[in-house]
Each structure stands twice: as structure tokens, then as C-alpha cells.
């Protein structure tokens, strides 16, 4: 977690490439980035980010950089949304899918996700990278409001009856299945072993439960990378290029940090280098990571093609 301070507003990230970018008029969804919509949580694109920069001159904006394949993002984003909504317009949350909006990701130098950055007066300041507990999220938001006030950014997004009516018209989500709820609660507590057990029991009850399958893969990854030191892991992998566990740990950290192609390439190179009897666990780990990212991702298709060529 990065300590938020007024000094951090100076020269943290260069967003000049995003300033003055005109929004495309044909997209109705882009209008949700405007403050008069009464919404405090909005999806933002490369084309609409300039309106968020301007809005940050009156109200602090939190930018959540995430991706669909990112397990830690799916744990962190609901917490950020919850805290944002509780502040009743004193903070706005702009959600950015980094895969769909590479210009924003590049501008923020988003080398790993989830990455959360604040905008105050058009200037960025880091908040934190990676999933963090709710208590830390609240602490950082409190500090964000203090720094915003120090810089004269004390406005708010109007959250009135129109916004409330809009939310009331939205259909209520179906209650979470009991085992899914148990897994989610365990993840919130950092008890990944209990979450894995809950998802496994859900799959035993219904082998076609795709949500449980996806959740199991994500929490297994979280469990494996918990407590790993990136520099130590990379040093160990460099010293033992055919050690399966050492290479698996680097690949896991790469995937969790958004370096998908690096993770795939490392394991494919490992598959080609090890003895035939060692290839099965490498292939199984690759398939597990493919499932985490999703078969529709072109990087998965490319890696599958290379794996097939190595198999045959």
C-alpha cells in the first residue's frame, strides 16, 4: 500500500496523452462518466477519460484498473465500490478494464493489477496495488479525502432521488448459493483453504457449476501466491531453470500481476526443456492458467497452439 500524501500529487504519472481526448458521441454508455448522471461508480474508456480528469478538479476520483481474468480484481473491486457508495458522492469511482482500454493502462504504467489510483485536481496519486483488506481500503480512502481537502478539492457528485430511483429499478440479484457465500466469506477473511474446500464441495454437488469452477481456480492462485516475494522467487527460478515448483511460482506471480504472455511463455519453455515424465504437471498448470484467463482471450489461443505443437 502506498502512503497517500499531498507531495505525491507532483509528477507521479504523466496523463498528458489522455487530456483533451474527445468522447465518441455514438456511445450512450459513455455519458455515465458525466457528473450530472448522479452515479458515483462508472465505467470509463480511453475515449471518456478526459471527463473524469476534469471532474477530479471538484471531487476526488478513484480509478480502479482491473481485468476480467484477474482473480484479485474480483475480490477487491466490490470492496472499493462499497466504500465509495457509503461516502455518498464525496468520492467518485471510475472503473477501467485495462484489456479494453490500453491507453489508460499505459498512461498509469499499470504493470500489475488490480491497481488503484486517485485523481485529485487532474493529478494522479497511487493508492495501492493488489488486493488489500477492507480495513486498509477504508484507511486509504480516509487519507484520500484529507489530501483532497488540503488541495481544495471538496466537491461531491450529486446523489439524489433520480439516482436512487435508477437503482431501485434495477432487478435484485439472486441470492448467492450457500457454498459460494461460504467461499466468498472465507476469501474476505484470507482463509483460502476454507474457500477452496467450499468451492470443491459446490462442484461435487454440481460439476457443471461454472462459477464455482472459476472461483476455485482464482482462489487457488491467490493461495499459491500469498506471501511470495517476487525477487526471491525470480532468483530461485533463474538458478534452477528446470525446477518445476520454482518456475510455477514465477508464472503464478506473473499471471496474478497481469503479465499473461510472460506466464504462458515461461511454462511453455519449461514444457519444452524438461524430461517427458515431467511434462504432465507442466501441461496441467498451463491448462489451469488458460481456464483462469478464459478461452476467448487471444493469448490463450496462441499459447494453446504452441502447446499443441510441442505435444505433437
Protein backbone atom coordinates (compact mmCIF):
# COMPACT_ATOMS: atom_id res chain seq x y z
CA UNK A 1 0.00 0.00 0.00
CA UNK A 2 1.30 3.45 -0.88
CA UNK A 3 1.04 6.27 1.63
CA UNK A 4 -1.12 8.99 0.14
CA UNK A 5 0.31 12.47 0.59
CA UNK A 6 -0.05 15.88 -0.97
CA UNK A 7 3.54 15.64 -2.21
CA UNK A 8 2.65 12.52 -4.20
CA UNK A 9 0.49 14.66 -6.46
CA UNK A 10 3.53 16.12 -8.16
CA UNK A 11 4.95 14.16 -11.06
CA UNK A 12 3.60 10.72 -10.15
CA UNK A 13 2.29 9.75 -13.59
CA UNK A 14 2.10 11.60 -16.89
CA UNK A 15 -1.52 11.68 -18.10
CA UNK A 16 -0.94 14.26 -20.82
CA UNK A 17 -1.69 11.71 -23.54
CA UNK A 18 -5.25 11.38 -22.20
CA UNK A 19 -6.03 15.07 -21.80
CA UNK A 20 -8.30 16.66 -24.37
CA UNK A 21 -9.38 13.32 -25.81
CA UNK A 22 -12.84 13.79 -27.28
CA UNK A 23 -15.55 11.35 -26.31
CA UNK A 24 -17.18 9.42 -29.15
CA UNK A 25 -20.75 10.71 -29.45
CA UNK A 26 -22.28 7.46 -30.64
CA UNK A 27 -21.81 5.57 -27.37
CA UNK A 28 -24.65 6.11 -24.92
CA UNK A 29 -22.74 4.27 -22.20
CA UNK A 30 -20.04 6.93 -22.25
CA UNK A 31 -22.42 9.50 -20.83
CA UNK A 32 -22.26 7.69 -17.47
CA UNK A 33 -18.91 9.36 -16.89
CA UNK A 34 -20.58 12.75 -16.59
CA UNK A 35 -21.20 14.04 -13.03
CA UNK A 36 -24.80 15.04 -13.70
CA UNK A 37 -25.74 11.39 -14.14
CA UNK A 38 -25.89 11.11 -10.35
CA UNK A 39 -23.84 7.93 -10.34
CA UNK A 40 -20.76 7.51 -8.16
CA UNK A 41 -19.49 4.32 -9.83
CA UNK A 42 -18.94 4.49 -13.60
CA UNK A 43 -17.16 2.54 -16.31
CA UNK A 44 -14.63 4.67 -18.15
CA UNK A 45 -12.96 4.18 -21.54
CA UNK A 46 -9.98 5.66 -23.36
CA UNK A 47 -12.45 7.98 -25.12
CA UNK A 48 -14.22 9.25 -21.98
CA UNK A 49 -11.34 9.50 -19.54
CA UNK A 50 -10.87 13.23 -20.15
CA UNK A 51 -14.24 13.94 -18.48
CA UNK A 52 -13.03 12.08 -15.38
CA UNK A 53 -9.84 14.14 -15.31
CA UNK A 54 -11.94 17.32 -15.38
CA UNK A 55 -14.32 16.01 -12.73
CA UNK A 56 -11.37 15.36 -10.39
CA UNK A 57 -10.89 19.13 -10.12
CA UNK A 58 -14.04 19.29 -7.99
CA UNK A 59 -14.33 15.81 -6.43
CA UNK A 60 -11.63 13.18 -5.81
CA UNK A 61 -11.83 10.31 -8.27
CA UNK A 62 -10.62 6.78 -7.55
CA UNK A 63 -9.54 4.83 -10.64
CA UNK A 64 -9.80 1.03 -10.39
CA UNK A 65 -7.73 -0.68 -13.10
CA UNK A 66 -8.93 -4.26 -13.48
CA UNK A 67 -9.45 -7.09 -15.99
CA UNK A 68 -12.00 -9.86 -16.33
CA UNK A 69 -9.41 -12.62 -15.93
CA UNK A 70 -7.89 -11.11 -12.76
CA UNK A 71 -8.96 -13.02 -9.66
CA UNK A 72 -7.64 -10.47 -7.10
CA UNK A 73 -9.52 -7.75 -9.01
CA UNK A 74 -12.79 -9.59 -8.43
CA UNK A 75 -12.09 -9.65 -4.72
CA UNK A 76 -11.01 -6.01 -4.42
CA UNK A 77 -13.44 -4.20 -6.74
CA UNK A 78 -16.63 -4.92 -4.74
CA UNK A 79 -14.94 -3.60 -1.60
CA UNK A 80 -13.92 -0.38 -3.34
CA UNK A 81 -17.43 0.06 -4.73
CA UNK A 82 -18.96 -0.50 -1.29
CA UNK A 83 -16.74 2.09 0.39
CA UNK A 84 -17.30 4.58 -2.46
CA UNK A 85 -21.10 4.32 -2.23
CA UNK A 86 -21.01 4.78 1.55
CA UNK A 87 -19.33 8.17 1.05
CA UNK A 88 -22.49 9.48 -0.71
CA UNK A 89 -20.84 11.34 -3.58
CA UNK A 90 -17.75 12.67 -1.79
CA UNK A 91 -15.66 10.31 -3.93
CA UNK A 92 -16.27 9.02 -7.45
CA UNK A 93 -15.10 5.61 -8.66
CA UNK A 94 -14.00 5.18 -12.29
CA UNK A 95 -13.60 1.53 -13.34
CA UNK A 96 -11.20 0.80 -16.21
CA UNK A 97 -10.94 -2.55 -17.99
CA UNK A 98 -7.24 -2.48 -18.91
CA UNK A 99 -7.65 -5.01 -21.73
CA UNK A 100 -10.27 -2.87 -23.46
CA UNK A 101 -8.55 0.46 -22.70
CA UNK A 102 -4.80 0.08 -23.25
CA UNK A 103 -4.14 3.83 -23.46
CA UNK A 104 -5.30 4.41 -19.89
CA UNK A 105 -3.35 1.37 -18.68
CA UNK A 106 -0.22 2.63 -20.42
CA UNK A 107 -0.64 6.15 -19.05
CA UNK A 108 -0.84 4.81 -15.49
CA UNK A 109 2.02 2.36 -16.13
CA UNK A 110 -0.19 -0.46 -14.94
CA UNK A 111 2.38 -3.25 -14.85
CA UNK A 112 0.26 -5.31 -12.45
CA UNK A 113 -3.38 -5.30 -11.42
CA UNK A 114 -5.52 -4.66 -9.52
CA UNK A 115 -4.07 -1.17 -9.40
CA UNK A 116 -5.95 1.66 -7.71
CA UNK A 117 -5.00 5.29 -8.26
CA UNK A 118 -6.61 8.53 -7.11
CA UNK A 119 -7.06 11.68 -9.19
CA UNK A 120 -7.08 15.00 -7.33
CA UNK A 121 -7.25 18.19 -9.37
CA UNK A 122 -6.32 16.26 -12.51
CA UNK A 123 -3.17 14.88 -10.87
CA UNK A 124 -2.70 11.16 -10.11
CA UNK A 125 -1.52 9.72 -6.81
CA UNK A 126 -1.01 5.98 -6.11
CA UNK A 127 -3.29 4.28 -3.58
CA UNK A 128 -2.41 0.57 -3.69
CA UNK A 129 -1.60 -2.35 -5.97
CA UNK A 130 -3.00 -5.81 -5.34
CA UNK A 131 -5.93 -6.95 -3.21
CA UNK A 132 -5.99 -5.49 0.31
CA UNK A 133 -8.36 -5.99 3.27
CA UNK A 134 -11.41 -3.76 3.62
CA UNK A 135 -9.98 -2.07 6.70
CA UNK A 136 -6.99 -0.87 4.70
CA UNK A 137 -9.24 0.30 1.87
CA UNK A 138 -11.20 2.44 4.34
CA UNK A 139 -7.99 3.83 5.83
CA UNK A 140 -6.67 4.85 2.41
CA UNK A 141 -9.99 6.45 1.41
CA UNK A 142 -9.96 8.48 4.63
CA UNK A 143 -6.48 9.73 3.84
CA UNK A 144 -7.54 10.47 0.26
CA UNK A 145 -10.31 12.80 1.47
CA UNK A 146 -7.83 14.57 3.75
CA UNK A 147 -5.34 15.16 0.92
CA UNK A 148 -8.14 16.26 -1.41
CA UNK A 149 -9.26 18.84 1.17
CA UNK A 150 -5.67 20.09 1.51
CA UNK A 151 -5.70 20.71 -2.24
CA UNK A 152 -9.10 22.41 -2.28
CA UNK A 153 -10.96 19.50 -3.89
CA UNK A 154 -14.00 19.25 -1.63
CA UNK A 155 -16.95 18.97 -4.00
CA UNK A 156 -19.23 15.99 -4.44
CA UNK A 157 -21.20 14.13 -7.08
CA UNK A 158 -24.95 14.80 -6.69
CA UNK A 159 -26.63 11.63 -5.50
CA UNK A 160 -30.31 12.43 -5.43
CA UNK A 161 -33.71 10.91 -5.99
CA UNK A 162 -33.02 10.26 -9.66
CA UNK A 163 -30.03 8.08 -8.87
CA UNK A 164 -31.95 6.31 -6.13
CA UNK A 165 -34.86 5.66 -8.47
CA UNK A 166 -32.49 4.27 -11.06
CA UNK A 167 -31.01 1.86 -8.52
CA UNK A 168 -34.48 0.88 -7.32
CA UNK A 169 -35.49 -0.06 -10.85
CA UNK A 170 -32.56 -2.43 -11.23
CA UNK A 171 -33.50 -6.07 -10.66
CA UNK A 172 -32.27 -7.58 -7.43
CA UNK A 173 -29.54 -10.15 -7.83
CA UNK A 174 -30.41 -13.71 -6.93
CA UNK A 175 -29.04 -14.75 -3.53
CA UNK A 176 -25.61 -16.38 -3.67
CA UNK A 177 -25.67 -20.19 -3.30
CA UNK A 178 -24.69 -21.18 0.27
CA UNK A 179 -21.36 -22.78 -0.66
CA UNK A 180 -20.45 -19.82 -2.86
CA UNK A 181 -21.30 -17.47 0.03
CA UNK A 182 -19.15 -19.58 2.35
CA UNK A 183 -16.25 -19.39 -0.11
CA UNK A 184 -16.61 -15.63 -0.54
CA UNK A 185 -16.69 -15.07 3.23
CA UNK A 186 -13.57 -17.20 3.61
CA UNK A 187 -11.77 -15.18 0.93
CA UNK A 188 -12.70 -11.96 2.71
CA UNK A 189 -11.07 -13.40 5.85
CA UNK A 190 -7.99 -14.53 3.94
CA UNK A 191 -8.80 -18.20 4.65
CA UNK A 192 -8.11 -19.56 1.17
CA UNK A 193 -8.02 -23.20 2.27
CA UNK A 194 -11.63 -22.96 3.51
CA UNK A 195 -12.66 -21.17 0.31
CA UNK A 196 -11.08 -23.90 -1.81
CA UNK A 197 -12.93 -26.55 0.22
CA UNK A 198 -16.25 -24.74 -0.22
CA UNK A 199 -15.83 -24.44 -4.00
CA UNK A 200 -14.80 -28.10 -4.23
CA UNK A 201 -17.95 -29.13 -2.37
CA UNK A 202 -20.02 -26.94 -4.69
CA UNK A 203 -18.50 -28.72 -7.71
CA UNK A 204 -19.11 -32.11 -6.10
CA UNK A 205 -22.79 -31.17 -5.85
CA UNK A 206 -22.92 -29.73 -9.37
CA UNK A 207 -19.96 -30.49 -11.68
CA UNK A 208 -21.40 -28.01 -14.22
CA UNK A 209 -21.21 -25.06 -11.82
CA UNK A 210 -19.02 -22.76 -13.93
CA UNK A 211 -18.96 -20.03 -11.30
CA UNK A 212 -17.61 -22.48 -8.73
CA UNK A 213 -15.04 -23.74 -11.21
CA UNK A 214 -13.86 -20.20 -11.96
CA UNK A 215 -13.84 -19.27 -8.29
CA UNK A 216 -11.84 -22.37 -7.40
CA UNK A 217 -9.18 -21.52 -9.97
CA UNK A 218 -8.94 -17.93 -8.79
CA UNK A 219 -8.68 -18.76 -5.10
CA UNK A 220 -6.10 -21.49 -5.76
CA UNK A 221 -3.98 -18.87 -7.50
CA UNK A 222 -4.43 -16.45 -4.58
CA UNK A 223 -3.45 -19.21 -2.17
CA UNK A 224 -0.32 -20.08 -4.13
CA UNK A 225 0.99 -16.51 -4.43
CA UNK A 226 0.17 -15.49 -0.86
CA UNK A 227 3.36 -14.48 0.92
CA UNK A 228 5.68 -14.97 -2.06
CA UNK A 229 8.50 -12.48 -2.53
CA UNK A 230 8.85 -11.69 -6.24
CA UNK A 231 12.59 -11.03 -6.18
CA UNK A 232 13.35 -14.19 -4.21
CA UNK A 233 11.11 -16.28 -6.44
CA UNK A 234 12.70 -14.94 -9.63
CA UNK A 235 16.19 -15.54 -8.24
CA UNK A 236 15.32 -19.13 -7.37
CA UNK A 237 13.83 -19.71 -10.83
CA UNK A 238 16.90 -18.25 -12.54
CA UNK A 239 19.15 -20.55 -10.51
CA UNK A 240 17.09 -23.65 -11.37
CA UNK A 241 15.60 -23.23 -14.87
CA UNK A 242 14.06 -26.72 -14.94
CA UNK A 243 12.80 -26.83 -11.36
CA UNK A 244 9.03 -27.14 -11.75
CA UNK A 245 7.97 -25.52 -8.48
CA UNK A 246 10.35 -22.57 -8.92
CA UNK A 247 9.07 -21.89 -12.44
CA UNK A 248 5.44 -22.42 -11.39
CA UNK A 249 5.78 -19.74 -8.70
CA UNK A 250 7.10 -17.14 -11.14
CA UNK A 251 4.35 -17.98 -13.64
CA UNK A 252 1.70 -17.64 -10.92
CA UNK A 253 3.05 -14.24 -9.86
CA UNK A 254 3.23 -13.10 -13.48
CA UNK A 255 -0.38 -14.10 -14.12
CA UNK A 256 -1.61 -12.52 -10.87
CA UNK A 257 0.20 -9.33 -11.85
CA UNK A 258 -1.28 -9.20 -15.36
CA UNK A 259 1.79 -10.45 -17.26
CA UNK A 260 -0.16 -13.19 -19.00
CA UNK A 261 2.09 -13.76 -22.00
CA UNK A 262 5.16 -13.96 -19.74
CA UNK A 263 3.46 -16.61 -17.59
CA UNK A 264 2.46 -18.69 -20.61
CA UNK A 265 5.84 -18.34 -22.29
CA UNK A 266 7.70 -19.41 -19.15
CA UNK A 267 5.65 -22.59 -18.77
CA UNK A 268 5.80 -23.43 -22.47
CA UNK A 269 9.58 -23.04 -22.42
CA UNK A 270 9.66 -25.24 -19.33
CA UNK A 271 7.50 -27.88 -21.04
CA UNK A 272 9.95 -27.99 -23.94
CA UNK A 273 13.00 -28.22 -21.64
CA UNK A 274 12.04 -30.89 -19.11
CA UNK A 275 12.11 -34.67 -19.43
CA UNK A 276 8.97 -36.33 -20.84
CA UNK A 277 7.92 -37.70 -17.44
CA UNK A 278 7.87 -34.14 -16.03
CA UNK A 279 5.67 -32.69 -18.75
CA UNK A 280 2.30 -33.72 -17.34
CA UNK A 281 2.31 -31.35 -14.33
CA UNK A 282 3.52 -28.50 -16.56
CA UNK A 283 0.71 -29.12 -19.04
CA UNK A 284 -1.82 -29.32 -16.20
CA UNK A 285 -0.64 -26.00 -14.76
CA UNK A 286 -0.86 -24.39 -18.20
CA UNK A 287 -4.42 -25.64 -18.66
CA UNK A 288 -5.32 -24.27 -15.22
CA UNK A 289 -3.96 -20.84 -16.15
CA UNK A 290 -5.74 -21.00 -19.54
CA UNK A 291 -9.03 -21.53 -17.70
CA UNK A 292 -8.32 -18.56 -15.42
CA UNK A 293 -7.73 -16.18 -18.32
CA UNK A 294 -10.55 -17.57 -20.49
CA UNK A 295 -10.64 -19.38 -23.81
CA UNK A 296 -11.80 -16.24 -25.68
CA UNK A 297 -8.54 -14.42 -24.92
CA UNK A 298 -6.25 -14.45 -28.00
CA UNK A 299 -3.22 -15.00 -25.77
CA UNK A 300 -4.74 -18.28 -24.62
CA UNK A 301 -5.36 -19.35 -28.21
CA UNK A 302 -1.75 -18.58 -29.16
CA UNK A 303 -0.39 -20.48 -26.16
CA UNK A 304 -2.64 -23.47 -26.85
CA UNK A 305 -1.36 -23.57 -30.42
CA UNK A 306 2.25 -23.62 -29.25
CA UNK A 307 1.46 -26.27 -26.62
CA UNK A 308 -0.13 -28.45 -29.30
CA UNK A 309 2.97 -28.13 -31.49
CA UNK A 310 5.14 -29.21 -28.54
CA UNK A 311 2.89 -32.17 -27.79
CA UNK A 312 2.89 -33.49 -31.32
